Amino acid sequence: QVQLVESGGGLVQPGGSLRLSCTTSGINFGVYLMGWHRQAPGKQRELVAQITRDYSPKYANFVKGRFVISRDNAKNTVYLEMDFLKPEDTAVYYCNAWPGISGAPDYWGQGTQVTVSS
């Protein structure tokens, strides 16, 4: 059974930081493309950042310079370090795992709420 479990969300003031974690089980983590997506109320889910099996990161323009994605294959875990948070970063953040093969299933976590507010 595949499981992706996110943690680390919460309430933070503008300009603050949070570190999200997503620990996986049931997949060969090292070969998966791992991503963080987010969905704000009334909006579509959007890609925040991805990291390949070779540790190459990719970021959405709206988080470049503020967020850093990383992975620890020994711990089957992907992280999202979020700095200089803004109110518009408020959303549910989801972890995603995809093997990078067209047509292959991907997997999602249950999400963790991030709220940026004073």
Protein backbone atom coordinates (compact mmCIF):
# COMPACT_ATOMS: atom_id res chain seq x y z
CA GLN A 1 0.00 0.00 0.00
CA VAL A 2 1.36 3.35 -1.05
CA GLN A 3 1.30 6.14 1.52
CA LEU A 4 2.46 9.73 1.37
CA VAL A 5 2.22 11.56 4.68
CA GLU A 6 2.79 15.31 4.84
CA SER A 7 3.63 17.22 7.99
CA GLY A 8 4.95 20.60 9.06
CA GLY A 9 2.11 22.89 8.10
CA GLY A 10 0.69 25.51 10.42
CA LEU A 11 0.06 29.17 11.06
CA VAL A 12 2.92 31.58 10.45
CA GLN A 13 3.23 35.35 10.21
CA PRO A 14 4.15 37.04 6.92
CA GLY A 15 7.90 36.85 6.40
CA GLY A 16 8.15 33.70 8.46
CA SER A 17 9.29 30.20 7.58
CA LEU A 18 7.99 26.66 7.60
CA ARG A 19 9.46 23.33 6.60
CA LEU A 20 7.15 20.72 5.14
CA SER A 21 8.00 17.03 5.07
CA CYS A 22 6.50 14.18 3.08
CA THR A 23 7.43 10.67 4.09
CA THR A 24 6.52 7.87 1.72
CA SER A 25 6.11 4.12 1.92
CA GLY A 26 5.16 1.44 -0.57
CA ILE A 27 7.09 2.92 -3.49
CA ASN A 28 10.67 2.74 -4.73
CA PHE A 29 11.21 6.33 -3.62
CA GLY A 30 14.58 6.82 -5.30
CA VAL A 31 13.19 6.48 -8.83
CA TYR A 32 10.22 8.80 -8.36
CA LEU A 33 9.88 12.42 -9.37
CA MET A 34 8.66 14.12 -6.22
CA GLY A 35 6.63 17.29 -6.17
CA TRP A 36 4.82 19.75 -3.95
CA HIS A 37 1.56 21.26 -5.15
CA ARG A 38 -0.85 23.60 -3.43
CA GLN A 39 -4.50 24.51 -3.60
CA ALA A 40 -5.99 27.68 -2.18
CA PRO A 41 -9.74 28.04 -1.56
CA GLY A 42 -11.59 28.60 -4.82
CA LYS A 43 -8.49 28.02 -6.92
CA GLN A 44 -7.08 25.14 -8.92
CA ARG A 45 -4.26 23.01 -7.61
CA GLU A 46 -0.90 24.30 -8.86
CA LEU A 47 2.64 23.02 -8.96
CA VAL A 48 5.00 24.62 -6.45
CA ALA A 49 8.21 22.64 -6.90
CA GLN A 50 9.55 19.34 -8.18
CA ILE A 51 12.75 17.39 -7.72
CA THR A 52 13.96 14.59 -9.98
CA ARG A 53 15.59 11.33 -9.01
CA ASP A 54 18.88 13.07 -9.83
CA TYR A 55 18.14 15.86 -7.36
CA SER A 56 17.44 18.46 -10.05
CA PRO A 57 14.89 20.99 -8.75
CA LYS A 58 12.28 22.98 -10.61
CA TYR A 59 10.24 25.84 -9.15
CA ALA A 60 7.16 27.82 -10.01
CA ASN A 61 8.03 31.44 -10.66
CA PHE A 62 6.04 32.63 -7.68
CA VAL A 63 8.29 30.76 -5.20
CA LYS A 64 11.70 31.14 -6.81
CA GLY A 65 14.20 32.49 -4.32
CA ARG A 66 11.92 31.76 -1.36
CA PHE A 67 11.30 27.99 -1.36
CA VAL A 68 13.76 25.11 -1.58
CA ILE A 69 12.83 21.52 -2.36
CA SER A 70 15.10 18.67 -1.31
CA ARG A 71 14.95 14.92 -0.89
CA ASP A 72 16.55 12.29 1.32
CA ASN A 73 16.38 8.96 -0.45
CA ALA A 74 17.63 7.12 2.62
CA LYS A 75 14.58 8.38 4.53
CA ASN A 76 12.09 8.17 1.63
CA THR A 77 11.27 11.78 2.35
CA VAL A 78 10.94 15.01 0.38
CA TYR A 79 11.07 18.43 2.01
CA LEU A 80 9.92 21.93 1.17
CA GLU A 81 11.69 24.73 3.00
CA MET A 82 9.53 27.84 2.73
CA ASP A 83 10.99 31.22 3.67
CA PHE A 84 9.69 34.79 3.34
CA LEU A 85 6.15 33.51 3.36
CA LYS A 86 3.39 35.72 2.06
CA PRO A 87 -0.37 35.69 2.75
CA GLU A 88 -0.90 34.50 -0.82
CA ASP A 89 1.06 31.33 0.02
CA THR A 90 -1.88 30.26 2.18
CA ALA A 91 -3.12 26.92 0.83
CA VAL A 92 -3.26 23.21 1.42
CA TYR A 93 0.08 21.77 0.32
CA TYR A 94 0.13 18.31 -1.23
CA CYS A 95 2.98 15.93 -1.87
CA ASN A 96 3.02 14.02 -5.16
CA ALA A 97 5.05 11.05 -6.37
CA TRP A 98 5.27 10.12 -10.06
CA PRO A 99 7.62 7.59 -11.65
CA GLY A 100 8.14 9.77 -14.72
CA ILE A 101 6.62 7.24 -17.08
CA SER A 102 3.80 8.37 -19.34
CA GLY A 103 0.55 6.77 -18.28
CA ALA A 104 1.91 5.45 -15.00
CA PRO A 105 -0.10 6.21 -11.88
CA ASP A 106 0.96 8.90 -9.50
CA TYR A 107 0.27 9.20 -5.81
CA TRP A 108 -0.86 12.01 -3.52
CA GLY A 109 -0.72 12.73 0.16
CA GLN A 110 -3.65 14.01 2.19
CA GLY A 111 -2.31 17.56 2.34
CA THR A 112 -1.14 19.89 5.07
CA GLN A 113 -2.57 23.35 5.72
CA VAL A 114 -0.29 26.36 5.54
CA THR A 115 -1.76 29.66 6.71
CA VAL A 116 0.20 32.90 6.47
CA SER A 117 -1.46 35.63 8.47
CA SER A 118 -0.70 38.27 11.03
